[in-house]
Amino acid sequence: MMYEELRATLHSESAEDIDWITFVGSGEPTLNRDLGTMIKVVKTITSLPVAVITNGSLLSLSEVREDLSAADAVLPTLDAGSAALFRRINRPHPDFDFERHVEGLVAFGSEFTERLWLEVMLIAGINDD
């Protein structure tokens, strides 16, 4: 169904109106076990580049890094430079830690050959120094 909607949208819109196909949503896209397949199928439908916006929390998992490898750009989040600040800003699950988050980002960055754009939210007086 998603693919048919994409085809219809691409057919109905002007080529100048769409510049990227982006996976993002009301949840973390890397939680979808079919993400890698979806990216690959979308790339067979259109020559537009594909991006994934992610909080990066699952980049420590090799299967997630593999799924994302088909994208043209990945935009993971890193809002803090320390574990304490990470907890304060992102309020992660108690079992998720900053070190694993950074290790996943580094691992992905060493493997991914396309555009890797880090998303950083700056908060006045908290992480803007």
Protein backbone atom coordinates (compact mmCIF):
# COMPACT_ATOMS: atom_id res chain seq x y z
CA MET A 1 0.00 0.00 0.00
CA MET A 2 2.77 2.45 0.90
CA TYR A 3 4.44 1.83 -2.45
CA GLU A 4 1.25 2.49 -4.39
CA GLU A 5 0.75 5.76 -2.49
CA LEU A 6 4.34 6.75 -3.27
CA ARG A 7 3.89 5.97 -6.97
CA ALA A 8 0.63 7.99 -7.06
CA THR A 9 2.25 10.95 -5.32
CA LEU A 10 5.28 10.90 -7.60
CA HIS A 11 2.97 10.75 -10.60
CA SER A 12 0.74 13.61 -9.43
CA GLU A 13 3.43 16.02 -8.24
CA SER A 14 5.81 18.12 -10.27
CA ALA A 15 9.41 16.87 -10.34
CA GLU A 16 10.49 20.22 -8.86
CA ASP A 17 8.21 19.78 -5.83
CA ILE A 18 9.88 16.66 -4.41
CA ASP A 19 13.58 16.50 -3.70
CA TRP A 20 13.89 13.62 -1.16
CA ILE A 21 11.94 10.61 0.03
CA THR A 22 12.33 10.65 3.82
CA PHE A 23 11.58 7.96 6.37
CA VAL A 24 10.50 9.58 9.62
CA GLY A 25 7.34 9.35 11.58
CA SER A 26 5.52 9.41 14.84
CA GLY A 27 7.92 6.73 16.05
CA GLU A 28 11.50 5.64 15.57
CA PRO A 29 11.84 4.35 11.98
CA THR A 30 14.64 1.90 12.83
CA LEU A 31 12.18 -0.06 15.00
CA ASN A 32 10.53 -1.25 11.79
CA ARG A 33 12.17 -4.56 10.91
CA ASP A 34 11.27 -3.99 7.24
CA LEU A 35 13.03 -0.62 6.96
CA GLY A 36 15.91 -1.92 4.86
CA THR A 37 13.54 -3.59 2.42
CA MET A 38 11.37 -0.48 2.24
CA ILE A 39 14.36 1.72 1.43
CA LYS A 40 15.49 -0.66 -1.31
CA VAL A 41 12.01 -0.90 -2.86
CA VAL A 42 11.59 2.90 -2.82
CA LYS A 43 14.91 3.20 -4.65
CA THR A 44 13.52 0.93 -7.41
CA ILE A 45 10.47 3.19 -7.75
CA THR A 46 12.28 6.52 -8.03
CA SER A 47 15.71 7.99 -8.56
CA LEU A 48 15.09 10.54 -5.79
CA PRO A 49 17.48 10.22 -2.87
CA VAL A 50 16.24 8.49 0.28
CA ALA A 51 16.86 9.84 3.79
CA VAL A 52 16.17 8.40 7.23
CA ILE A 53 15.76 10.63 10.28
CA THR A 54 16.51 8.62 13.43
CA ASN A 55 17.24 9.16 17.08
CA GLY A 56 20.17 6.79 16.53
CA SER A 57 19.39 4.68 19.55
CA LEU A 58 19.63 1.40 17.65
CA LEU A 59 22.78 2.11 15.63
CA SER A 60 24.72 -0.19 17.95
CA LEU A 61 22.87 -3.09 16.28
CA SER A 62 24.58 -4.36 13.13
CA GLU A 63 21.25 -5.28 11.51
CA VAL A 64 20.02 -1.69 11.88
CA ARG A 65 23.24 -0.33 10.39
CA GLU A 66 22.82 -2.79 7.50
CA ASP A 67 19.21 -1.65 6.93
CA LEU A 68 20.30 1.98 6.80
CA SER A 69 23.18 1.29 4.43
CA ALA A 70 20.83 1.52 1.43
CA ALA A 71 19.86 5.11 2.25
CA ASP A 72 21.43 8.15 0.59
CA ALA A 73 21.43 10.13 3.84
CA VAL A 74 20.94 9.27 7.50
CA LEU A 75 20.29 11.95 10.11
CA PRO A 76 20.87 10.59 13.63
CA THR A 77 20.50 12.69 16.75
CA LEU A 78 23.21 13.60 19.25
CA ASP A 79 22.12 16.33 21.64
CA ALA A 80 24.66 15.87 24.43
CA GLY A 81 28.37 15.45 24.98
CA SER A 82 28.15 13.60 28.28
CA ALA A 83 26.09 10.86 29.89
CA ALA A 84 24.58 13.23 32.45
CA LEU A 85 23.53 15.75 29.83
CA PHE A 86 22.22 12.96 27.60
CA ARG A 87 19.95 11.75 30.42
CA ARG A 88 18.77 15.27 31.16
CA ILE A 89 17.94 16.21 27.57
CA ASN A 90 16.79 12.94 26.00
CA ARG A 91 15.39 11.10 29.03
CA PRO A 92 16.19 7.67 27.56
CA HIS A 93 15.00 4.33 28.85
CA PRO A 94 16.98 3.42 32.02
CA ASP A 95 18.66 0.51 30.20
CA PHE A 96 19.91 2.72 27.38
CA ASP A 97 23.15 4.53 27.99
CA PHE A 98 25.08 7.33 26.36
CA GLU A 99 28.18 5.25 25.70
CA ARG A 100 26.20 2.71 23.66
CA HIS A 101 24.58 5.57 21.76
CA VAL A 102 27.94 7.11 20.85
CA GLU A 103 29.48 3.72 20.03
CA GLY A 104 26.61 3.05 17.63
CA LEU A 105 27.07 6.44 15.95
CA VAL A 106 30.80 5.83 15.56
CA ALA A 107 30.28 2.31 14.20
CA PHE A 108 27.72 3.52 11.70
CA GLY A 109 29.90 6.46 10.68
CA SER A 110 32.81 4.13 9.98
CA GLU A 111 30.65 1.91 7.71
CA PHE A 112 28.27 4.30 6.00
CA THR A 113 29.61 5.79 2.76
CA GLU A 114 26.80 8.23 1.99
CA ARG A 115 25.68 11.46 3.67
CA LEU A 116 25.69 11.32 7.46
CA TRP A 117 24.20 14.48 8.91
CA LEU A 118 24.17 14.72 12.69
CA GLU A 119 21.08 16.41 14.11
CA VAL A 120 21.80 18.44 17.25
CA MET A 121 19.19 20.25 19.30
CA LEU A 122 20.75 23.20 21.13
CA ILE A 123 19.05 24.31 24.33
CA ALA A 124 19.96 27.72 25.74
CA GLY A 125 21.84 27.39 29.00
CA ILE A 126 21.97 23.58 28.86
CA ASN A 127 24.07 22.40 25.93
CA ASP A 128 24.95 25.53 23.98
CA ASP A 129 28.33 26.28 25.51
